[in-house]
């Protein structure tokens, strides 16, 4: 059995993480947005359009990791629609974290 299919992918120089976050929020998406830039990587987890957790390449989690990841301007991204894993580590609104 294969894993979740990539629903959306591209280059951060074409579309920003802020715009991707807005798209996922407005569409009520649930899944994982993985980003990579060279040796760096991170993941943003959404549940019904709300950002619920983030993990960066330093294994930091939560809001601090999300804020750092939203600062990335280069790299690639993939969004896979999949059930959320773990609990909610980010209590702030998605918009507050993205700003």
PDB file of N, CA and C in Angstrom:
ATOM      1  N   UNK A   1       0.842  -1.178   0.000  1.00  0.00           N
ATOM      2  CA  UNK A   1       0.000   0.000   0.000  1.00  0.00           C
ATOM      3  C   UNK A   1       0.888   1.243   0.000  1.00  0.00           C
ATOM      4  N   UNK A   2       0.619   2.181  -0.875  1.00  0.00           N
ATOM      5  CA  UNK A   2       1.444   3.385  -0.972  1.00  0.00           C
ATOM      6  C   UNK A   2       0.922   4.466  -0.045  1.00  0.00           C
ATOM      7  N   UNK A   3       1.791   5.471   0.211  1.00  0.00           N
ATOM      8  CA  UNK A   3       1.433   6.580   1.093  1.00  0.00           C
ATOM      9  C   UNK A   3       0.559   7.594   0.384  1.00  0.00           C
ATOM     10  N   UNK A   4       0.272   8.681   1.074  1.00  0.00           N
ATOM     11  CA  UNK A   4      -0.560   9.735   0.493  1.00  0.00           C
ATOM     12  C   UNK A   4       0.062  10.318  -0.770  1.00  0.00           C
ATOM     13  N   UNK A   5      -0.777  10.651  -1.710  1.00  0.00           N
ATOM     14  CA  UNK A   5      -0.350  11.214  -2.987  1.00  0.00           C
ATOM     15  C   UNK A   5      -0.081  12.710  -2.818  1.00  0.00           C
ATOM     16  N   UNK A   6       0.941  13.206  -3.510  1.00  0.00           N
ATOM     17  CA  UNK A   6       1.231  14.638  -3.487  1.00  0.00           C
ATOM     18  C   UNK A   6       0.082  15.358  -4.194  1.00  0.00           C
ATOM     19  N   UNK A   7      -0.616  16.213  -3.447  1.00  0.00           N
ATOM     20  CA  UNK A   7      -1.754  16.944  -3.998  1.00  0.00           C
ATOM     21  C   UNK A   7      -1.319  18.261  -4.626  1.00  0.00           C
ATOM     22  N   UNK A   8      -0.188  18.793  -4.159  1.00  0.00           N
ATOM     23  CA  UNK A   8       0.283  20.095  -4.609  1.00  0.00           C
ATOM     24  C   UNK A   8       1.786  20.136  -4.400  1.00  0.00           C
ATOM     25  N   UNK A   9       2.513  20.658  -5.359  1.00  0.00           N
ATOM     26  CA  UNK A   9       3.956  20.772  -5.221  1.00  0.00           C
ATOM     27  C   UNK A   9       4.480  21.899  -6.075  1.00  0.00           C
ATOM     28  N   UNK A  10       5.647  22.408  -5.714  1.00  0.00           N
ATOM     29  CA  UNK A  10       6.218  23.483  -6.505  1.00  0.00           C
ATOM     30  C   UNK A  10       7.449  24.086  -5.877  1.00  0.00           C
ATOM     31  N   UNK A  11       7.749  25.307  -6.312  1.00  0.00           N
ATOM     32  CA  UNK A  11       8.956  26.020  -5.927  1.00  0.00           C
ATOM     33  C   UNK A  11       8.592  27.272  -5.144  1.00  0.00           C
ATOM     34  N   UNK A  12       9.250  27.482  -4.012  1.00  0.00           N
ATOM     35  CA  UNK A  12       8.955  28.644  -3.164  1.00  0.00           C
ATOM     36  C   UNK A  12       9.354  29.967  -3.788  1.00  0.00           C
ATOM     37  N   UNK A  13      10.152  29.932  -4.850  1.00  0.00           N
ATOM     38  CA  UNK A  13      10.467  31.185  -5.539  1.00  0.00           C
ATOM     39  C   UNK A  13       9.300  31.635  -6.422  1.00  0.00           C
ATOM     40  N   UNK A  14       8.345  30.728  -6.668  1.00  0.00           N
ATOM     41  CA  UNK A  14       7.178  31.030  -7.492  1.00  0.00           C
ATOM     42  C   UNK A  14       5.975  31.376  -6.617  1.00  0.00           C
ATOM     43  N   UNK A  15       5.777  30.626  -5.545  1.00  0.00           N
ATOM     44  CA  UNK A  15       4.668  30.867  -4.619  1.00  0.00           C
ATOM     45  C   UNK A  15       5.217  30.803  -3.193  1.00  0.00           C
ATOM     46  N   UNK A  16       4.888  31.793  -2.388  1.00  0.00           N
ATOM     47  CA  UNK A  16       5.440  31.881  -1.029  1.00  0.00           C
ATOM     48  C   UNK A  16       4.709  30.951  -0.067  1.00  0.00           C
ATOM     49  N   UNK A  17       5.353  30.645   1.034  1.00  0.00           N
ATOM     50  CA  UNK A  17       4.712  29.838   2.071  1.00  0.00           C
ATOM     51  C   UNK A  17       3.490  30.553   2.635  1.00  0.00           C
ATOM     52  N   UNK A  18       3.544  31.877   2.710  1.00  0.00           N
ATOM     53  CA  UNK A  18       2.383  32.629   3.175  1.00  0.00           C
ATOM     54  C   UNK A  18       1.191  32.363   2.252  1.00  0.00           C
ATOM     55  N   UNK A  19       1.401  32.463   0.939  1.00  0.00           N
ATOM     56  CA  UNK A  19       0.317  32.211  -0.010  1.00  0.00           C
ATOM     57  C   UNK A  19      -0.167  30.766   0.063  1.00  0.00           C
ATOM     58  N   UNK A  20       0.747  29.825   0.219  1.00  0.00           N
ATOM     59  CA  UNK A  20       0.360  28.422   0.365  1.00  0.00           C
ATOM     60  C   UNK A  20      -0.471  28.221   1.630  1.00  0.00           C
ATOM     61  N   UNK A  21      -0.029  28.835   2.724  1.00  0.00           N
ATOM     62  CA  UNK A  21      -0.770  28.736   3.977  1.00  0.00           C
ATOM     63  C   UNK A  21      -2.175  29.284   3.835  1.00  0.00           C
ATOM     64  N   UNK A  22      -2.304  30.418   3.142  1.00  0.00           N
ATOM     65  CA  UNK A  22      -3.622  31.018   2.911  1.00  0.00           C
ATOM     66  C   UNK A  22      -4.502  30.079   2.071  1.00  0.00           C
ATOM     67  N   UNK A  23      -3.927  29.504   1.025  1.00  0.00           N
ATOM     68  CA  UNK A  23      -4.655  28.582   0.158  1.00  0.00           C
ATOM     69  C   UNK A  23      -5.161  27.376   0.953  1.00  0.00           C
ATOM     70  N   UNK A  24      -4.287  26.789   1.748  1.00  0.00           N
ATOM     71  CA  UNK A  24      -4.668  25.618   2.542  1.00  0.00           C
ATOM     72  C   UNK A  24      -5.710  25.979   3.588  1.00  0.00           C
ATOM     73  N   UNK A  25      -5.561  27.160   4.202  1.00  0.00           N
ATOM     74  CA  UNK A  25      -6.522  27.613   5.214  1.00  0.00           C
ATOM     75  C   UNK A  25      -7.890  27.827   4.578  1.00  0.00           C
ATOM     76  N   UNK A  26      -7.937  28.556   3.471  1.00  0.00           N
ATOM     77  CA  UNK A  26      -9.211  28.873   2.821  1.00  0.00           C
ATOM     78  C   UNK A  26      -9.917  27.635   2.275  1.00  0.00           C
ATOM     79  N   UNK A  27      -9.142  26.614   1.904  1.00  0.00           N
ATOM     80  CA  UNK A  27      -9.727  25.382   1.388  1.00  0.00           C
ATOM     81  C   UNK A  27     -10.012  24.351   2.478  1.00  0.00           C
ATOM     82  N   UNK A  28      -9.705  24.677   3.725  1.00  0.00           N
ATOM     83  CA  UNK A  28      -9.958  23.744   4.824  1.00  0.00           C
ATOM     84  C   UNK A  28      -9.186  22.455   4.690  1.00  0.00           C
ATOM     85  N   UNK A  29      -7.955  22.556   4.183  1.00  0.00           N
ATOM     86  CA  UNK A  29      -7.141  21.373   3.904  1.00  0.00           C
ATOM     87  C   UNK A  29      -6.625  20.713   5.175  1.00  0.00           C
ATOM     88  N   UNK A  30      -6.495  19.402   5.099  1.00  0.00           N
ATOM     89  CA  UNK A  30      -5.892  18.614   6.171  1.00  0.00           C
ATOM     90  C   UNK A  30      -4.753  17.822   5.558  1.00  0.00           C
ATOM     91  N   UNK A  31      -3.553  17.974   6.143  1.00  0.00           N
ATOM     92  CA  UNK A  31      -2.409  17.239   5.635  1.00  0.00           C
ATOM     93  C   UNK A  31      -1.107  17.867   6.062  1.00  0.00           C
ATOM     94  N   UNK A  32      -0.044  17.471   5.385  1.00  0.00           N
ATOM     95  CA  UNK A  32       1.309  17.912   5.724  1.00  0.00           C
ATOM     96  C   UNK A  32       1.944  18.640   4.538  1.00  0.00           C
ATOM     97  N   UNK A  33       2.429  19.849   4.793  1.00  0.00           N
ATOM     98  CA  UNK A  33       3.169  20.637   3.805  1.00  0.00           C
ATOM     99  C   UNK A  33       4.643  20.504   4.154  1.00  0.00           C
ATOM    100  N   UNK A  34       5.386  19.773   3.329  1.00  0.00           N
ATOM    101  CA  UNK A  34       6.816  19.547   3.544  1.00  0.00           C
ATOM    102  C   UNK A  34       7.592  20.529   2.679  1.00  0.00           C
ATOM    103  N   UNK A  35       8.613  21.154   3.275  1.00  0.00           N
ATOM    104  CA  UNK A  35       9.455  22.075   2.514  1.00  0.00           C
ATOM    105  C   UNK A  35      10.909  21.637   2.631  1.00  0.00           C
ATOM    106  N   UNK A  36      11.662  21.856   1.538  1.00  0.00           N
ATOM    107  CA  UNK A  36      13.077  21.469   1.491  1.00  0.00           C
ATOM    108  C   UNK A  36      13.869  22.553   0.776  1.00  0.00           C
ATOM    109  N   UNK A  37      15.054  22.811   1.296  1.00  0.00           N
ATOM    110  CA  UNK A  37      15.974  23.737   0.654  1.00  0.00           C
ATOM    111  C   UNK A  37      17.380  23.226   0.909  1.00  0.00           C
ATOM    112  N   UNK A  38      17.966  22.601  -0.098  1.00  0.00           N
ATOM    113  CA  UNK A  38      19.276  21.997   0.096  1.00  0.00           C
ATOM    114  C   UNK A  38      19.199  20.924   1.171  1.00  0.00           C
ATOM    115  N   UNK A  39      20.010  21.074   2.220  1.00  0.00           N
ATOM    116  CA  UNK A  39      20.015  20.111   3.310  1.00  0.00           C
ATOM    117  C   UNK A  39      18.987  20.397   4.395  1.00  0.00           C
ATOM    118  N   UNK A  40      18.271  21.515   4.275  1.00  0.00           N
ATOM    119  CA  UNK A  40      17.263  21.872   5.285  1.00  0.00           C
ATOM    120  C   UNK A  40      15.897  21.307   4.908  1.00  0.00           C
ATOM    121  N   UNK A  41      15.102  21.010   5.931  1.00  0.00           N
ATOM    122  CA  UNK A  41      13.743  20.564   5.668  1.00  0.00           C
ATOM    123  C   UNK A  41      12.853  20.925   6.846  1.00  0.00           C
ATOM    124  N   UNK A  42      11.575  20.934   6.588  1.00  0.00           N
ATOM    125  CA  UNK A  42      10.610  21.222   7.638  1.00  0.00           C
ATOM    126  C   UNK A  42       9.241  20.758   7.201  1.00  0.00           C
ATOM    127  N   UNK A  43       8.295  20.764   8.151  1.00  0.00           N
ATOM    128  CA  UNK A  43       6.936  20.327   7.856  1.00  0.00           C
ATOM    129  C   UNK A  43       5.944  21.182   8.631  1.00  0.00           C
ATOM    130  N   UNK A  44       4.862  21.539   7.955  1.00  0.00           N
ATOM    131  CA  UNK A  44       3.752  22.283   8.548  1.00  0.00           C
ATOM    132  C   UNK A  44       2.525  21.395   8.458  1.00  0.00           C
ATOM    133  N   UNK A  45       1.856  21.189   9.588  1.00  0.00           N
ATOM    134  CA  UNK A  45       0.708  20.291   9.644  1.00  0.00           C
ATOM    135  C   UNK A  45      -0.583  21.088   9.775  1.00  0.00           C
ATOM    136  N   UNK A  46      -1.543  20.788   8.903  1.00  0.00           N
ATOM    137  CA  UNK A  46      -2.825  21.475   8.877  1.00  0.00           C
ATOM    138  C   UNK A  46      -3.953  20.498   9.184  1.00  0.00           C
ATOM    139  N   UNK A  47      -4.953  20.983   9.897  1.00  0.00           N
ATOM    140  CA  UNK A  47      -6.164  20.212  10.174  1.00  0.00           C
ATOM    141  C   UNK A  47      -7.353  21.121   9.895  1.00  0.00           C
ATOM    142  N   UNK A  48      -8.136  20.780   8.903  1.00  0.00           N
ATOM    143  CA  UNK A  48      -9.295  21.585   8.495  1.00  0.00           C
ATOM    144  C   UNK A  48      -8.911  23.046   8.260  1.00  0.00           C
ATOM    145  N   UNK A  49      -7.742  23.248   7.642  1.00  0.00           N
ATOM    146  CA  UNK A  49      -7.285  24.586   7.298  1.00  0.00           C
ATOM    147  C   UNK A  49      -6.533  25.319   8.385  1.00  0.00           C
ATOM    148  N   UNK A  50      -6.486  24.773   9.582  1.00  0.00           N
ATOM    149  CA  UNK A  50      -5.774  25.415  10.689  1.00  0.00           C
ATOM    150  C   UNK A  50      -4.400  24.798  10.864  1.00  0.00           C
ATOM    151  N   UNK A  51      -3.400  25.649  11.045  1.00  0.00           N
ATOM    152  CA  UNK A  51      -2.038  25.184  11.314  1.00  0.00           C
ATOM    153  C   UNK A  51      -1.992  24.668  12.741  1.00  0.00           C
ATOM    154  N   UNK A  52      -1.697  23.378  12.901  1.00  0.00           N
ATOM    155  CA  UNK A  52      -1.728  22.787  14.243  1.00  0.00           C
ATOM    156  C   UNK A  52      -0.344  22.429  14.782  1.00  0.00           C
ATOM    157  N   UNK A  53       0.640  22.274  13.896  1.00  0.00           N
ATOM    158  CA  UNK A  53       1.989  21.952  14.362  1.00  0.00           C
ATOM    159  C   UNK A  53       2.985  22.207  13.230  1.00  0.00           C
ATOM    160  N   UNK A  54       4.236  22.295  13.622  1.00  0.00           N
ATOM    161  CA  UNK A  54       5.335  22.448  12.680  1.00  0.00           C
ATOM    162  C   UNK A  54       6.563  21.793  13.283  1.00  0.00           C
ATOM    163  N   UNK A  55       7.417  21.277  12.420  1.00  0.00           N
ATOM    164  CA  UNK A  55       8.685  20.684  12.847  1.00  0.00           C
ATOM    165  C   UNK A  55       9.743  21.169  11.871  1.00  0.00           C
ATOM    166  N   UNK A  56      10.858  21.689  12.407  1.00  0.00           N
ATOM    167  CA  UNK A  56      11.935  22.124  11.517  1.00  0.00           C
ATOM    168  C   UNK A  56      13.075  21.119  11.545  1.00  0.00           C
ATOM    169  N   UNK A  57      14.127  21.394  10.785  1.00  0.00           N
ATOM    170  CA  UNK A  57      15.229  20.442  10.670  1.00  0.00           C
ATOM    171  C   UNK A  57      16.069  20.332  11.940  1.00  0.00           C
ATOM    172  N   UNK A  58      15.837  21.228  12.888  1.00  0.00           N
ATOM    173  CA  UNK A  58      16.507  21.132  14.189  1.00  0.00           C
ATOM    174  C   UNK A  58      15.673  20.332  15.180  1.00  0.00           C
ATOM    175  N   UNK A  59      14.539  19.816  14.710  1.00  0.00           N
ATOM    176  CA  UNK A  59      13.571  19.060  15.508  1.00  0.00           C
ATOM    177  C   UNK A  59      12.851  19.927  16.539  1.00  0.00           C
ATOM    178  N   UNK A  60      12.866  21.250  16.306  1.00  0.00           N
ATOM    179  CA  UNK A  60      12.020  22.137  17.100  1.00  0.00           C
ATOM    180  C   UNK A  60      10.603  21.946  16.603  1.00  0.00           C
ATOM    181  N   UNK A  61       9.629  22.137  17.514  1.00  0.00           N
ATOM    182  CA  UNK A  61       8.229  21.957  17.158  1.00  0.00           C
ATOM    183  C   UNK A  61       7.419  23.163  17.570  1.00  0.00           C
ATOM    184  N   UNK A  62       6.204  23.221  17.054  1.00  0.00           N
ATOM    185  CA  UNK A  62       5.244  24.216  17.475  1.00  0.00           C
ATOM    186  C   UNK A  62       5.394  25.556  16.787  1.00  0.00           C
ATOM    187  N   UNK A  63       4.937  26.588  17.487  1.00  0.00           N
ATOM    188  CA  UNK A  63       4.858  27.925  16.901  1.00  0.00           C
ATOM    189  C   UNK A  63       6.218  28.488  16.515  1.00  0.00           C
ATOM    190  N   UNK A  64       7.219  28.286  17.350  1.00  0.00           N
ATOM    191  CA  UNK A  64       8.554  28.808  17.041  1.00  0.00           C
ATOM    192  C   UNK A  64       9.096  28.202  15.745  1.00  0.00           C
ATOM    193  N   UNK A  65       8.911  26.895  15.575  1.00  0.00           N
ATOM    194  CA  UNK A  65       9.349  26.235  14.345  1.00  0.00           C
ATOM    195  C   UNK A  65       8.571  26.773  13.151  1.00  0.00           C
ATOM    196  N   UNK A  66       7.257  26.961  13.301  1.00  0.00           N
ATOM    197  CA  UNK A  66       6.428  27.460  12.199  1.00  0.00           C
ATOM    198  C   UNK A  66       6.869  28.848  11.769  1.00  0.00           C
ATOM    199  N   UNK A  67       7.123  29.720  12.722  1.00  0.00           N
ATOM    200  CA  UNK A  67       7.550  31.088  12.402  1.00  0.00           C
ATOM    201  C   UNK A  67       8.854  31.064  11.611  1.00  0.00           C
ATOM    202  N   UNK A  68       9.784  30.227  12.021  1.00  0.00           N
ATOM    203  CA  UNK A  68      11.043  30.095  11.282  1.00  0.00           C
ATOM    204  C   UNK A  68      10.834  29.584   9.869  1.00  0.00           C
ATOM    205  N   UNK A  69       9.972  28.586   9.722  1.00  0.00           N
ATOM    206  CA  UNK A  69       9.728  28.012   8.398  1.00  0.00           C
ATOM    207  C   UNK A  69       9.048  29.016   7.474  1.00  0.00           C
ATOM    208  N   UNK A  70       8.133  29.825   7.985  1.00  0.00           N
ATOM    209  CA  UNK A  70       7.454  30.801   7.139  1.00  0.00           C
ATOM    210  C   UNK A  70       8.411  31.887   6.633  1.00  0.00           C
ATOM    211  N   UNK A  71       9.611  31.950   7.191  1.00  0.00           N
ATOM    212  CA  UNK A  71      10.617  32.890   6.709  1.00  0.00           C
ATOM    213  C   UNK A  71      11.394  32.387   5.498  1.00  0.00           C
ATOM    214  N   UNK A  72      11.233  31.120   5.162  1.00  0.00           N
ATOM    215  CA  UNK A  72      11.954  30.567   4.018  1.00  0.00           C
ATOM    216  C   UNK A  72      11.451  31.193   2.727  1.00  0.00           C
ATOM    217  N   UNK A  73      12.371  31.548   1.848  1.00  0.00           N
ATOM    218  CA  UNK A  73      12.026  32.162   0.561  1.00  0.00           C
ATOM    219  C   UNK A  73      12.416  31.296  -0.628  1.00  0.00           C
ATOM    220  N   UNK A  74      13.216  30.257  -0.375  1.00  0.00           N
ATOM    221  CA  UNK A  74      13.703  29.394  -1.456  1.00  0.00           C
ATOM    222  C   UNK A  74      13.496  27.945  -1.069  1.00  0.00           C
ATOM    223  N   UNK A  75      13.413  27.106  -2.069  1.00  0.00           N
ATOM    224  CA  UNK A  75      13.262  25.682  -1.839  1.00  0.00           C
ATOM    225  C   UNK A  75      12.054  25.138  -2.570  1.00  0.00           C
ATOM    226  N   UNK A  76      11.713  23.906  -2.261  1.00  0.00           N
ATOM    227  CA  UNK A  76      10.568  23.256  -2.888  1.00  0.00           C
ATOM    228  C   UNK A  76       9.569  22.850  -1.813  1.00  0.00           C
ATOM    229  N   UNK A  77       8.337  22.601  -2.244  1.00  0.00           N
ATOM    230  CA  UNK A  77       7.308  22.185  -1.299  1.00  0.00           C
ATOM    231  C   UNK A  77       6.457  21.080  -1.901  1.00  0.00           C
ATOM    232  N   UNK A  78       5.859  20.287  -1.015  1.00  0.00           N
ATOM    233  CA  UNK A  78       4.892  19.262  -1.379  1.00  0.00           C
ATOM    234  C   UNK A  78       3.819  19.236  -0.304  1.00  0.00           C
ATOM    235  N   UNK A  79       2.567  19.191  -0.723  1.00  0.00           N
ATOM    236  CA  UNK A  79       1.473  19.022   0.224  1.00  0.00           C
ATOM    237  C   UNK A  79       0.831  17.675  -0.030  1.00  0.00           C
ATOM    238  N   UNK A  80       0.727  16.888   1.028  1.00  0.00           N
ATOM    239  CA  UNK A  80       0.065  15.581   0.967  1.00  0.00           C
ATOM    240  C   UNK A  80      -1.156  15.630   1.874  1.00  0.00           C
ATOM    241  N   UNK A  81      -2.312  15.316   1.306  1.00  0.00           N
ATOM    242  CA  UNK A  81      -3.533  15.238   2.102  1.00  0.00           C
ATOM    243  C   UNK A  81      -3.488  13.941   2.906  1.00  0.00           C
ATOM    244  N   UNK A  82      -3.476  14.074   4.225  1.00  0.00           N
ATOM    245  CA  UNK A  82      -3.411  12.909   5.105  1.00  0.00           C
ATOM    246  C   UNK A  82      -3.968  13.290   6.460  1.00  0.00           C
ATOM    247  N   UNK A  83      -4.406  12.322   7.236  1.00  0.00           N
ATOM    248  CA  UNK A  83      -4.951  12.627   8.570  1.00  0.00           C
ATOM    249  C   UNK A  83      -3.876  13.254   9.452  1.00  0.00           C
ATOM    250  N   UNK A  84      -4.272  14.163  10.344  1.00  0.00           N
ATOM    251  CA  UNK A  84      -3.281  14.772  11.247  1.00  0.00           C
ATOM    252  C   UNK A  84      -2.704  13.735  12.201  1.00  0.00           C
ATOM    253  N   UNK A  85      -1.435  13.922  12.545  1.00  0.00           N
ATOM    254  CA  UNK A  85      -0.796  13.046  13.525  1.00  0.00           C
ATOM    255  C   UNK A  85      -0.411  13.885  14.733  1.00  0.00           C
ATOM    256  N   UNK A  86      -0.455  13.297  15.894  1.00  0.00           N
ATOM    257  CA  UNK A  86      -0.105  14.024  17.110  1.00  0.00           C
ATOM    258  C   UNK A  86      -1.180  15.026  17.478  1.00  0.00           C
ATOM    259  N   UNK A  87      -0.924  15.759  18.508  1.00  0.00           N
ATOM    260  CA  UNK A  87      -1.875  16.751  18.982  1.00  0.00           C
ATOM    261  C   UNK A  87      -1.599  18.127  18.424  1.00  0.00           C
ATOM    262  N   UNK A  88      -2.372  19.070  18.891  1.00  0.00           N
ATOM    263  CA  UNK A  88      -2.223  20.457  18.474  1.00  0.00           C
ATOM    264  C   UNK A  88      -1.137  21.109  19.322  1.00  0.00           C
ATOM    265  N   UNK A  89      -0.053  21.540  18.688  1.00  0.00           N
ATOM    266  CA  UNK A  89       1.051  22.184  19.398  1.00  0.00           C
ATOM    267  C   UNK A  89       1.031  23.697  19.219  1.00  0.00           C
ATOM    268  N   UNK A  90       0.225  24.190  18.267  1.00  0.00           N
ATOM    269  CA  UNK A  90       0.141  25.627  18.004  1.00  0.00           C
ATOM    270  C   UNK A  90      -1.242  26.106  18.427  1.00  0.00           C
ATOM    271  N   UNK A  91      -1.271  27.018  19.396  1.00  0.00           N
ATOM    272  CA  UNK A  91      -2.546  27.537  19.892  1.00  0.00           C
ATOM    273  C   UNK A  91      -2.950  28.841  19.198  1.00  0.00           C
ATOM    274  N   UNK A  92      -1.974  29.581  18.670  1.00  0.00           N
ATOM    275  CA  UNK A  92      -2.257  30.845  17.996  1.00  0.00           C
ATOM    276  C   UNK A  92      -2.995  30.581  16.690  1.00  0.00           C
ATOM    277  N   UNK A  93      -3.670  31.603  16.153  1.00  0.00           N
ATOM    278  CA  UNK A  93      -4.362  31.456  14.886  1.00  0.00           C
ATOM    279  C   UNK A  93      -3.329  31.279  13.757  1.00  0.00           C
ATOM    280  N   UNK A  94      -3.767  30.652  12.693  1.00  0.00           N
ATOM    281  CA  UNK A  94      -2.898  30.445  11.537  1.00  0.00           C
ATOM    282  C   UNK A  94      -2.385  31.779  11.007  1.00  0.00           C
ATOM    283  N   UNK A  95      -3.270  32.781  10.921  1.00  0.00           N
ATOM    284  CA  UNK A  95      -2.884  34.084  10.414  1.00  0.00           C
ATOM    285  C   UNK A  95      -1.798  34.726  11.290  1.00  0.00           C
ATOM    286  N   UNK A  96      -1.939  34.605  12.597  1.00  0.00           N
ATOM    287  CA  UNK A  96      -0.957  35.206  13.517  1.00  0.00           C
ATOM    288  C   UNK A  96       0.423  34.577  13.319  1.00  0.00           C
ATOM    289  N   UNK A  97       0.479  33.291  13.152  1.00  0.00           N
ATOM    290  CA  UNK A  97       1.757  32.613  12.962  1.00  0.00           C
ATOM    291  C   UNK A  97       2.374  32.993  11.626  1.00  0.00           C
ATOM    292  N   UNK A  98       1.574  33.095  10.580  1.00  0.00           N
ATOM    293  CA  UNK A  98       2.091  33.399   9.243  1.00  0.00           C
ATOM    294  C   UNK A  98       2.595  34.837   9.146  1.00  0.00           C
ATOM    295  N   UNK A  99       2.066  35.726   9.934  1.00  0.00           N
ATOM    296  CA  UNK A  99       2.490  37.119   9.886  1.00  0.00           C
ATOM    297  C   UNK A  99       3.803  37.283  10.600  1.00  0.00           C
TER     298      UNK A  99
END
